[in-house]
Structure formats: C-alpha cells, structure tokens
C-alpha cells in the first residue's frame, strides 16, 4: 500500500525513503542559484567599480567569502558526522556552482574570470588528504585544464508542493 512518488515529493537517491541529503542539496543549490547568478555577480562588480566608496565587496572577496562560509575544513566546524557530511556537500555544491558560472556563455567575461580565479584559489588551498578535498581538488584541476570537456551534473529542482486548496 502507500502512496506513489509524484511531483510533490523530493527526489530520493536512497531507494525511495526520505533522503535528507538530497533535500539539503536542493536547498543549497536553490540558494546558490541566487547567490551566484551570473547577472547578479556582474551587477555586484559594476556597483563596486562605479561606487568604490560604498561598502560593496569586490567580486573576488564575495566569491571567497561564499567559500569561507562553508567552512574551510568541516571537521573543525562541526563535531557530529551528519553536520560534517552536510558541510562537505555544501563545499561540493559551491564548487559545482562556480564551474557552472565559469562555463556560462551569457555571463560577463569579468564574472567568468573571477569564478575561474576562485576555483584556482580553492584548489591551491586544499591541502588536506581528506576524501572530500582530494575529490574537490581533482574535480577543480580537471575543470581548469579543460572546462569545455567537463560535464556537470544537472541541478535538481524543488518539488512543487501540495496544490493550494487541497485537503479541505
């Protein structure tokens, strides 16, 4: 018995049960879609150039702060395994989002340059031999060598949710 999976449920990668990591990943992707929107990044750079006296961060600082917010080394940020797994996932999603912006032909050149530079900076900073860092460093280095050949996984979409007016 039970209910079938439909458009109102989160996609699961664990065999059909509630997949908390997939839900968190979609939430991060949705947030990054706005934070790292290529047009928004271009406006940020433009605002900084036009109004240097305002406290608008330059593009490099903004991108660097986005990475730092995820925690440079998740093991020092959280004590529990679940929190560390989420922090590592956030780092992977930030790297993927930066790669997407770097490959986006509609992005301003200065935005593509800044995101490529941030990926390079992250790669040179990854010194630990943790599985996550080894994966990220390999992924970034391959991308920087050959961005056009790097295949990025599709970004999922949030479920639609329950229709308005149901259950009355």
N, C-alpha and C. Protein backbone atom coordinates (compact mmCIF):
# COMPACT_ATOMS: atom_id res chain seq x y z
N UNK A 1 0.85 -1.18 0.00
CA UNK A 1 0.00 0.00 0.00
C UNK A 1 0.88 1.23 0.00
N UNK A 2 0.41 2.35 0.43
CA UNK A 2 1.20 3.57 0.44
C UNK A 2 0.87 4.44 -0.75
N UNK A 3 1.59 5.49 -0.85
CA UNK A 3 1.37 6.45 -1.91
C UNK A 3 2.53 6.39 -2.90
N UNK A 4 2.22 6.61 -4.15
CA UNK A 4 3.26 6.64 -5.18
C UNK A 4 4.03 7.95 -5.12
N UNK A 5 5.21 7.96 -5.69
CA UNK A 5 6.02 9.18 -5.74
C UNK A 5 5.46 10.08 -6.85
N UNK A 6 5.37 11.36 -6.57
CA UNK A 6 4.87 12.29 -7.58
C UNK A 6 5.64 13.59 -7.51
N UNK A 7 5.18 14.57 -8.24
CA UNK A 7 5.90 15.84 -8.35
C UNK A 7 5.97 16.63 -7.06
N UNK A 8 5.21 16.22 -6.05
CA UNK A 8 5.18 16.95 -4.79
C UNK A 8 6.18 16.43 -3.78
N UNK A 9 7.00 15.46 -4.18
CA UNK A 9 7.98 14.87 -3.27
C UNK A 9 9.40 15.16 -3.74
N UNK A 10 10.32 15.18 -2.79
CA UNK A 10 11.73 15.34 -3.13
C UNK A 10 12.23 14.08 -3.81
N UNK A 11 13.13 14.26 -4.77
CA UNK A 11 13.77 13.12 -5.42
C UNK A 11 14.66 12.44 -4.39
N UNK A 12 14.63 11.11 -4.41
CA UNK A 12 15.41 10.34 -3.45
C UNK A 12 16.48 9.53 -4.18
N UNK A 13 17.66 9.45 -3.55
CA UNK A 13 18.73 8.63 -4.10
C UNK A 13 19.06 7.46 -3.20
N UNK A 14 18.20 7.22 -2.22
CA UNK A 14 18.49 6.14 -1.29
C UNK A 14 17.47 5.01 -1.35
N UNK A 15 16.85 4.84 -2.46
CA UNK A 15 15.93 3.72 -2.63
C UNK A 15 14.48 4.02 -2.32
N UNK A 16 14.13 5.28 -2.17
CA UNK A 16 12.73 5.62 -2.00
C UNK A 16 12.36 6.20 -0.66
N UNK A 17 13.24 6.06 0.34
CA UNK A 17 12.95 6.64 1.65
C UNK A 17 13.21 8.13 1.65
N UNK A 18 12.97 8.73 2.78
CA UNK A 18 13.22 10.16 2.93
C UNK A 18 14.73 10.38 2.83
N UNK A 19 15.17 11.14 1.86
CA UNK A 19 16.59 11.38 1.62
C UNK A 19 16.94 12.79 2.08
N UNK A 20 17.40 12.88 3.33
CA UNK A 20 17.67 14.20 3.91
C UNK A 20 18.83 14.90 3.20
N UNK A 21 19.78 14.13 2.68
CA UNK A 21 20.91 14.75 1.98
C UNK A 21 20.46 15.33 0.64
N UNK A 22 19.58 14.65 -0.06
CA UNK A 22 19.06 15.18 -1.33
C UNK A 22 18.25 16.45 -1.08
N UNK A 23 17.49 16.46 0.01
CA UNK A 23 16.71 17.65 0.34
C UNK A 23 17.64 18.83 0.63
N UNK A 24 18.69 18.57 1.42
CA UNK A 24 19.64 19.63 1.76
C UNK A 24 20.37 20.11 0.52
N UNK A 25 20.73 19.18 -0.36
CA UNK A 25 21.43 19.53 -1.60
C UNK A 25 20.57 20.46 -2.47
N UNK A 26 19.29 20.14 -2.58
CA UNK A 26 18.39 21.00 -3.36
C UNK A 26 18.27 22.38 -2.74
N UNK A 27 18.24 22.43 -1.42
CA UNK A 27 18.15 23.71 -0.73
C UNK A 27 19.40 24.55 -0.99
N UNK A 28 20.58 23.91 -0.92
CA UNK A 28 21.83 24.62 -1.19
C UNK A 28 21.87 25.09 -2.64
N UNK A 29 21.51 24.21 -3.57
CA UNK A 29 21.51 24.58 -4.98
C UNK A 29 20.57 25.75 -5.25
N UNK A 30 19.43 25.75 -4.60
CA UNK A 30 18.46 26.83 -4.79
C UNK A 30 19.04 28.16 -4.25
N UNK A 31 19.70 28.11 -3.12
CA UNK A 31 20.33 29.31 -2.56
C UNK A 31 21.45 29.80 -3.45
N UNK A 32 22.31 28.87 -3.91
CA UNK A 32 23.44 29.25 -4.76
C UNK A 32 22.98 29.78 -6.12
N UNK A 33 21.82 29.32 -6.58
CA UNK A 33 21.29 29.80 -7.85
C UNK A 33 21.10 31.32 -7.79
N UNK A 34 20.74 31.84 -6.64
CA UNK A 34 20.57 33.28 -6.48
C UNK A 34 21.87 33.97 -6.11
N UNK A 35 22.64 33.37 -5.20
CA UNK A 35 23.89 33.99 -4.75
C UNK A 35 24.93 34.09 -5.86
N UNK A 36 24.97 33.08 -6.72
CA UNK A 36 25.98 33.04 -7.78
C UNK A 36 25.36 33.20 -9.17
N UNK A 37 24.25 33.89 -9.23
CA UNK A 37 23.64 34.19 -10.52
C UNK A 37 24.61 35.08 -11.31
N UNK A 38 24.98 34.68 -12.54
CA UNK A 38 25.97 35.44 -13.30
C UNK A 38 25.61 36.91 -13.49
N UNK A 39 24.35 37.20 -13.69
CA UNK A 39 23.94 38.59 -13.90
C UNK A 39 24.04 39.38 -12.59
N UNK A 40 23.70 38.73 -11.49
CA UNK A 40 23.83 39.37 -10.18
C UNK A 40 25.29 39.66 -9.89
N UNK A 41 26.17 38.70 -10.19
CA UNK A 41 27.60 38.90 -9.96
C UNK A 41 28.14 40.05 -10.82
N UNK A 42 27.64 40.16 -12.04
CA UNK A 42 28.07 41.26 -12.91
C UNK A 42 27.62 42.60 -12.32
N UNK A 43 26.40 42.65 -11.79
CA UNK A 43 25.91 43.90 -11.18
C UNK A 43 26.74 44.24 -9.94
N UNK A 44 27.11 43.23 -9.17
CA UNK A 44 27.93 43.45 -7.99
C UNK A 44 29.28 44.07 -8.39
N UNK A 45 29.91 43.51 -9.41
CA UNK A 45 31.19 44.05 -9.90
C UNK A 45 31.02 45.47 -10.42
N UNK A 46 29.92 45.70 -11.11
CA UNK A 46 29.64 47.03 -11.65
C UNK A 46 29.44 48.05 -10.54
N UNK A 47 28.68 47.67 -9.51
CA UNK A 47 28.44 48.57 -8.38
C UNK A 47 29.75 48.92 -7.68
N UNK A 48 30.61 47.93 -7.54
CA UNK A 48 31.91 48.16 -6.89
C UNK A 48 32.75 49.14 -7.73
N UNK A 49 32.72 48.99 -9.06
CA UNK A 49 33.51 49.86 -9.94
C UNK A 49 32.95 51.28 -9.96
N UNK A 50 31.64 51.41 -9.97
CA UNK A 50 31.01 52.73 -10.06
C UNK A 50 31.03 53.48 -8.74
N UNK A 51 30.92 52.76 -7.63
CA UNK A 51 30.81 53.37 -6.31
C UNK A 51 31.81 52.75 -5.34
N UNK A 52 33.10 53.01 -5.54
CA UNK A 52 34.13 52.38 -4.71
C UNK A 52 34.05 52.78 -3.23
N UNK A 53 33.40 53.91 -2.93
CA UNK A 53 33.32 54.36 -1.54
C UNK A 53 32.26 53.61 -0.73
N UNK A 54 31.33 52.96 -1.44
CA UNK A 54 30.32 52.16 -0.74
C UNK A 54 30.96 50.88 -0.22
N UNK A 55 30.35 50.30 0.77
CA UNK A 55 30.90 49.06 1.33
C UNK A 55 30.39 47.85 0.56
N UNK A 56 30.56 47.88 -0.74
CA UNK A 56 30.19 46.77 -1.60
C UNK A 56 31.45 45.93 -1.81
N UNK A 57 31.41 44.64 -1.50
CA UNK A 57 32.62 43.84 -1.68
C UNK A 57 32.96 43.68 -3.16
N UNK A 58 34.25 43.56 -3.43
CA UNK A 58 34.62 43.28 -4.81
C UNK A 58 34.27 41.81 -5.08
N UNK A 59 34.23 41.47 -6.35
CA UNK A 59 33.78 40.14 -6.76
C UNK A 59 34.63 39.03 -6.16
N UNK A 60 35.94 39.20 -6.14
CA UNK A 60 36.84 38.19 -5.58
C UNK A 60 36.55 37.96 -4.10
N UNK A 61 36.32 39.03 -3.36
CA UNK A 61 36.01 38.91 -1.93
C UNK A 61 34.67 38.22 -1.72
N UNK A 62 33.68 38.59 -2.52
CA UNK A 62 32.36 37.98 -2.41
C UNK A 62 32.45 36.46 -2.65
N UNK A 63 33.15 36.06 -3.69
CA UNK A 63 33.28 34.64 -4.00
C UNK A 63 34.08 33.91 -2.93
N UNK A 64 35.13 34.54 -2.45
CA UNK A 64 35.95 33.94 -1.39
C UNK A 64 35.14 33.78 -0.11
N UNK A 65 34.34 34.79 0.23
CA UNK A 65 33.51 34.71 1.43
C UNK A 65 32.44 33.63 1.32
N UNK A 66 31.96 33.41 0.10
CA UNK A 66 30.98 32.33 -0.11
C UNK A 66 31.62 30.99 0.23
N UNK A 67 32.84 30.78 -0.24
CA UNK A 67 33.56 29.53 0.08
C UNK A 67 33.85 29.44 1.58
N UNK A 68 34.32 30.53 2.17
CA UNK A 68 34.67 30.52 3.60
C UNK A 68 33.46 30.25 4.48
N UNK A 69 32.28 30.68 4.04
CA UNK A 69 31.06 30.45 4.81
C UNK A 69 30.74 28.97 4.94
N UNK A 70 31.22 28.18 3.97
CA UNK A 70 31.00 26.74 4.02
C UNK A 70 31.95 26.07 5.01
N UNK A 71 32.96 26.79 5.46
CA UNK A 71 33.93 26.24 6.39
C UNK A 71 35.11 25.64 5.66
N UNK A 72 36.28 26.16 5.93
CA UNK A 72 37.47 25.68 5.23
C UNK A 72 37.71 24.19 5.47
N UNK A 73 37.54 23.74 6.67
CA UNK A 73 37.71 22.32 6.98
C UNK A 73 36.53 21.90 7.84
N UNK A 74 35.55 21.21 7.26
CA UNK A 74 34.32 20.88 8.01
C UNK A 74 34.57 20.20 9.34
N UNK A 75 35.63 19.43 9.47
CA UNK A 75 35.86 18.73 10.73
C UNK A 75 36.12 19.69 11.88
N UNK A 76 36.59 20.90 11.58
CA UNK A 76 36.82 21.87 12.65
C UNK A 76 35.57 22.69 12.93
N UNK A 77 34.60 22.62 12.05
CA UNK A 77 33.39 23.42 12.21
C UNK A 77 32.29 22.70 12.99
N UNK A 78 32.24 21.39 12.85
CA UNK A 78 31.18 20.63 13.49
C UNK A 78 31.75 19.38 14.13
N UNK A 79 31.06 18.89 15.13
CA UNK A 79 31.56 17.71 15.84
C UNK A 79 30.84 16.43 15.44
N UNK A 80 29.67 16.55 14.84
CA UNK A 80 28.90 15.34 14.52
C UNK A 80 29.05 14.95 13.05
N UNK A 81 28.91 13.67 12.78
CA UNK A 81 29.10 13.13 11.42
C UNK A 81 28.09 13.72 10.43
N UNK A 82 26.85 13.91 10.86
CA UNK A 82 25.82 14.46 9.97
C UNK A 82 26.18 15.89 9.56
N UNK A 83 26.58 16.71 10.53
CA UNK A 83 26.97 18.08 10.24
C UNK A 83 28.18 18.16 9.32
N UNK A 84 29.14 17.26 9.53
CA UNK A 84 30.32 17.24 8.65
C UNK A 84 29.94 16.82 7.24
N UNK A 85 29.04 15.84 7.12
CA UNK A 85 28.60 15.40 5.79
C UNK A 85 27.88 16.54 5.06
N UNK A 86 27.06 17.28 5.78
CA UNK A 86 26.37 18.42 5.17
C UNK A 86 27.36 19.51 4.75
N UNK A 87 28.34 19.81 5.60
CA UNK A 87 29.33 20.84 5.28
C UNK A 87 30.13 20.44 4.03
N UNK A 88 30.48 19.18 3.93
CA UNK A 88 31.22 18.72 2.74
C UNK A 88 30.36 18.82 1.49
N UNK A 89 29.08 18.48 1.63
CA UNK A 89 28.17 18.59 0.49
C UNK A 89 28.04 20.04 0.05
N UNK A 90 27.97 20.97 0.99
CA UNK A 90 27.88 22.38 0.65
C UNK A 90 29.12 22.81 -0.13
N UNK A 91 30.29 22.36 0.30
CA UNK A 91 31.52 22.69 -0.43
C UNK A 91 31.46 22.16 -1.86
N UNK A 92 31.02 20.93 -2.03
CA UNK A 92 30.94 20.36 -3.38
C UNK A 92 29.95 21.15 -4.24
N UNK A 93 28.83 21.54 -3.68
CA UNK A 93 27.83 22.29 -4.44
C UNK A 93 28.34 23.68 -4.81
N UNK A 94 29.11 24.32 -3.93
CA UNK A 94 29.69 25.63 -4.26
C UNK A 94 30.64 25.50 -5.44
N UNK A 95 31.49 24.47 -5.40
CA UNK A 95 32.44 24.26 -6.50
C UNK A 95 31.69 24.02 -7.80
N UNK A 96 30.66 23.18 -7.78
CA UNK A 96 29.88 22.92 -8.99
C UNK A 96 29.21 24.20 -9.50
N UNK A 97 28.70 25.02 -8.58
CA UNK A 97 28.04 26.27 -8.98
C UNK A 97 29.05 27.23 -9.61
N UNK A 98 30.25 27.31 -9.04
CA UNK A 98 31.29 28.16 -9.63
C UNK A 98 31.66 27.68 -11.02
N UNK A 99 31.72 26.37 -11.20
CA UNK A 99 32.02 25.82 -12.52
C UNK A 99 30.94 26.18 -13.52
N UNK A 100 29.69 26.12 -13.09
CA UNK A 100 28.57 26.45 -13.97
C UNK A 100 28.67 27.89 -14.45
N UNK A 101 28.96 28.79 -13.51
CA UNK A 101 29.07 30.21 -13.87
C UNK A 101 30.25 30.40 -14.83
N UNK A 102 31.35 29.72 -14.57
CA UNK A 102 32.54 29.84 -15.43
C UNK A 102 32.27 29.40 -16.86
N UNK A 103 31.37 28.43 -17.02
CA UNK A 103 31.04 27.91 -18.35
C UNK A 103 29.89 28.64 -19.03
N UNK A 104 29.23 29.52 -18.29
CA UNK A 104 28.03 30.19 -18.80
C UNK A 104 28.40 31.25 -19.84
N UNK A 105 28.06 30.99 -21.08
CA UNK A 105 28.40 31.91 -22.17
C UNK A 105 27.70 33.25 -22.02
N UNK A 106 26.58 33.30 -21.30
CA UNK A 106 25.87 34.56 -21.14
C UNK A 106 26.45 35.41 -20.01
N UNK A 107 27.37 34.85 -19.23
CA UNK A 107 27.98 35.59 -18.12
C UNK A 107 28.99 36.59 -18.67
N UNK A 108 29.09 37.72 -17.99
CA UNK A 108 30.10 38.71 -18.36
C UNK A 108 31.48 38.10 -18.21
N UNK A 109 32.39 38.52 -19.06
CA UNK A 109 33.74 37.95 -19.03
C UNK A 109 34.40 38.14 -17.66
N UNK A 110 34.21 39.30 -17.05
CA UNK A 110 34.83 39.54 -15.75
C UNK A 110 34.28 38.58 -14.69
N UNK A 111 33.04 38.15 -14.83
CA UNK A 111 32.44 37.17 -13.92
C UNK A 111 33.06 35.80 -14.15
N UNK A 112 33.21 35.41 -15.41
CA UNK A 112 33.83 34.11 -15.72
C UNK A 112 35.28 34.08 -15.23
N UNK A 113 35.99 35.18 -15.41
CA UNK A 113 37.37 35.27 -14.94
C UNK A 113 37.42 35.14 -13.41
N UNK A 114 36.55 35.86 -12.72
CA UNK A 114 36.55 35.83 -11.25
C UNK A 114 36.19 34.44 -10.71
N UNK A 115 35.24 33.77 -11.34
CA UNK A 115 34.87 32.44 -10.84
C UNK A 115 35.98 31.43 -11.14
N UNK A 116 36.62 31.54 -12.29
CA UNK A 116 37.77 30.66 -12.59
C UNK A 116 38.89 30.91 -11.59
N UNK A 117 39.13 32.17 -11.29
CA UNK A 117 40.18 32.51 -10.33
C UNK A 117 39.84 31.94 -8.94
N UNK A 118 38.58 32.02 -8.55
CA UNK A 118 38.18 31.49 -7.25
C UNK A 118 38.35 29.97 -7.22
N UNK A 119 38.02 29.30 -8.30
CA UNK A 119 38.24 27.85 -8.36
C UNK A 119 39.73 27.54 -8.23
N UNK A 120 40.57 28.30 -8.89
CA UNK A 120 42.02 28.10 -8.77
C UNK A 120 42.47 28.34 -7.33
N UNK A 121 41.97 29.39 -6.71
CA UNK A 121 42.33 29.70 -5.32
C UNK A 121 41.93 28.57 -4.39
N UNK A 122 40.71 28.07 -4.56
CA UNK A 122 40.23 26.96 -3.73
C UNK A 122 41.12 25.74 -3.92
N UNK A 123 41.45 25.42 -5.17
CA UNK A 123 42.26 24.25 -5.47
C UNK A 123 43.63 24.33 -4.79
N UNK A 124 44.25 25.50 -4.83
CA UNK A 124 45.58 25.64 -4.23
C UNK A 124 45.52 25.62 -2.71
N UNK A 125 44.35 25.91 -2.15
CA UNK A 125 44.17 25.94 -0.71
C UNK A 125 43.89 24.55 -0.14
N UNK A 126 43.41 23.63 -0.95
CA UNK A 126 43.02 22.30 -0.48
C UNK A 126 44.27 21.46 -0.20
N UNK A 127 44.71 21.44 1.05
CA UNK A 127 45.95 20.76 1.41
C UNK A 127 45.70 19.43 2.13
N UNK A 128 44.56 19.28 2.73
CA UNK A 128 44.26 18.06 3.48
C UNK A 128 44.13 16.86 2.55
N UNK A 129 44.32 15.68 3.09
CA UNK A 129 44.15 14.47 2.28
C UNK A 129 42.79 13.82 2.54
N UNK A 130 41.84 14.61 3.05
CA UNK A 130 40.50 14.07 3.26
C UNK A 130 39.89 13.69 1.92
N UNK A 131 39.01 12.72 1.93
CA UNK A 131 38.37 12.27 0.69
C UNK A 131 37.71 13.42 -0.05
N UNK A 132 37.03 14.27 0.69
CA UNK A 132 36.32 15.38 0.08
C UNK A 132 37.29 16.33 -0.62
N UNK A 133 38.40 16.66 0.02
CA UNK A 133 39.36 17.58 -0.57
C UNK A 133 40.06 16.96 -1.77
N UNK A 134 40.39 15.68 -1.69
CA UNK A 134 41.01 15.01 -2.84
C UNK A 134 40.05 15.04 -4.03
N UNK A 135 38.78 14.76 -3.76
CA UNK A 135 37.77 14.79 -4.82
C UNK A 135 37.64 16.19 -5.41
N UNK A 136 37.51 17.20 -4.53
CA UNK A 136 37.33 18.58 -4.99
C UNK A 136 38.54 19.07 -5.78
N UNK A 137 39.74 18.79 -5.27
CA UNK A 137 40.95 19.24 -5.95
C UNK A 137 41.04 18.60 -7.34
N UNK A 138 40.77 17.30 -7.44
CA UNK A 138 40.80 16.62 -8.74
C UNK A 138 39.76 17.20 -9.68
N UNK A 139 38.58 17.44 -9.17
CA UNK A 139 37.48 17.98 -9.98
C UNK A 139 37.82 19.38 -10.50
N UNK A 140 38.33 20.22 -9.60
CA UNK A 140 38.67 21.58 -9.98
C UNK A 140 39.83 21.59 -10.98
N UNK A 141 40.86 20.83 -10.68
CA UNK A 141 42.04 20.81 -11.57
C UNK A 141 41.67 20.32 -12.97
N UNK A 142 40.83 19.29 -13.05
CA UNK A 142 40.36 18.81 -14.36
C UNK A 142 39.56 19.90 -15.08
N UNK A 143 38.73 20.59 -14.33
CA UNK A 143 37.92 21.66 -14.92
C UNK A 143 38.81 22.79 -15.45
N UNK A 144 39.79 23.20 -14.64
CA UNK A 144 40.66 24.30 -15.06
C UNK A 144 41.49 23.94 -16.29
N UNK A 145 41.85 22.67 -16.42
CA UNK A 145 42.60 22.23 -17.60
C UNK A 145 41.72 22.21 -18.84
N UNK A 146 40.46 21.79 -18.66
CA UNK A 146 39.60 21.61 -19.82
C UNK A 146 38.13 21.87 -19.46
N UNK A 147 37.75 23.14 -19.29
CA UNK A 147 36.37 23.43 -18.88
C UNK A 147 35.31 22.93 -19.86
N UNK A 148 35.63 23.02 -21.16
CA UNK A 148 34.63 22.62 -22.16
C UNK A 148 34.36 21.11 -22.14
N UNK A 149 35.28 20.33 -21.64
CA UNK A 149 35.09 18.88 -21.60
C UNK A 149 34.50 18.39 -20.28
N UNK A 150 34.42 19.26 -19.30
CA UNK A 150 33.88 18.88 -18.00
C UNK A 150 32.36 18.83 -18.07
N UNK A 151 31.83 17.69 -17.70
CA UNK A 151 30.38 17.50 -17.67
C UNK A 151 29.90 17.75 -16.23
N UNK A 152 29.00 18.69 -16.08
CA UNK A 152 28.46 19.00 -14.76
C UNK A 152 27.11 18.31 -14.59
N UNK A 153 26.88 17.73 -13.42
CA UNK A 153 25.59 17.08 -13.20
C UNK A 153 24.46 18.10 -13.23
N UNK A 154 23.29 17.69 -13.65
CA UNK A 154 22.17 18.64 -13.68
C UNK A 154 21.78 19.06 -12.27
N UNK A 155 21.33 20.29 -12.15
CA UNK A 155 20.84 20.79 -10.86
C UNK A 155 19.38 20.39 -10.74
N UNK A 156 19.03 19.80 -9.63
CA UNK A 156 17.65 19.37 -9.40
C UNK A 156 16.75 20.57 -9.16
N UNK A 157 15.48 20.31 -9.08
CA UNK A 157 14.53 21.38 -8.79
C UNK A 157 13.70 20.99 -7.57
N UNK A 158 13.29 22.00 -6.85
CA UNK A 158 12.48 21.76 -5.67
C UNK A 158 11.11 21.25 -6.10
N UNK A 159 10.51 20.38 -5.28
CA UNK A 159 9.18 19.89 -5.64
C UNK A 159 8.16 21.01 -5.59
N UNK A 160 7.10 20.82 -6.35
CA UNK A 160 6.07 21.84 -6.44
C UNK A 160 5.33 22.06 -5.12
N UNK A 161 5.19 21.02 -4.33
CA UNK A 161 4.43 21.13 -3.10
C UNK A 161 2.98 20.81 -3.35
N UNK A 162 2.23 20.80 -2.28
CA UNK A 162 0.81 20.47 -2.39
C UNK A 162 0.05 21.57 -3.13
N UNK A 163 -0.91 21.19 -3.96
CA UNK A 163 -1.73 22.20 -4.63
C UNK A 163 -2.50 23.02 -3.59
N UNK A 164 -2.72 24.27 -3.89
CA UNK A 164 -3.46 25.14 -2.98
C UNK A 164 -4.90 24.69 -2.94
N UNK A 165 -5.44 24.60 -1.75
CA UNK A 165 -6.85 24.25 -1.59
C UNK A 165 -7.11 22.76 -1.42
N UNK A 166 -6.09 21.95 -1.38
CA UNK A 166 -6.28 20.50 -1.18
C UNK A 166 -6.55 20.22 0.28
N UNK A 167 -7.19 19.13 0.53
CA UNK A 167 -7.41 18.66 1.88
C UNK A 167 -8.52 19.34 2.62
N UNK A 168 -9.37 20.04 1.91
CA UNK A 168 -10.47 20.73 2.60
C UNK A 168 -11.67 19.84 2.71
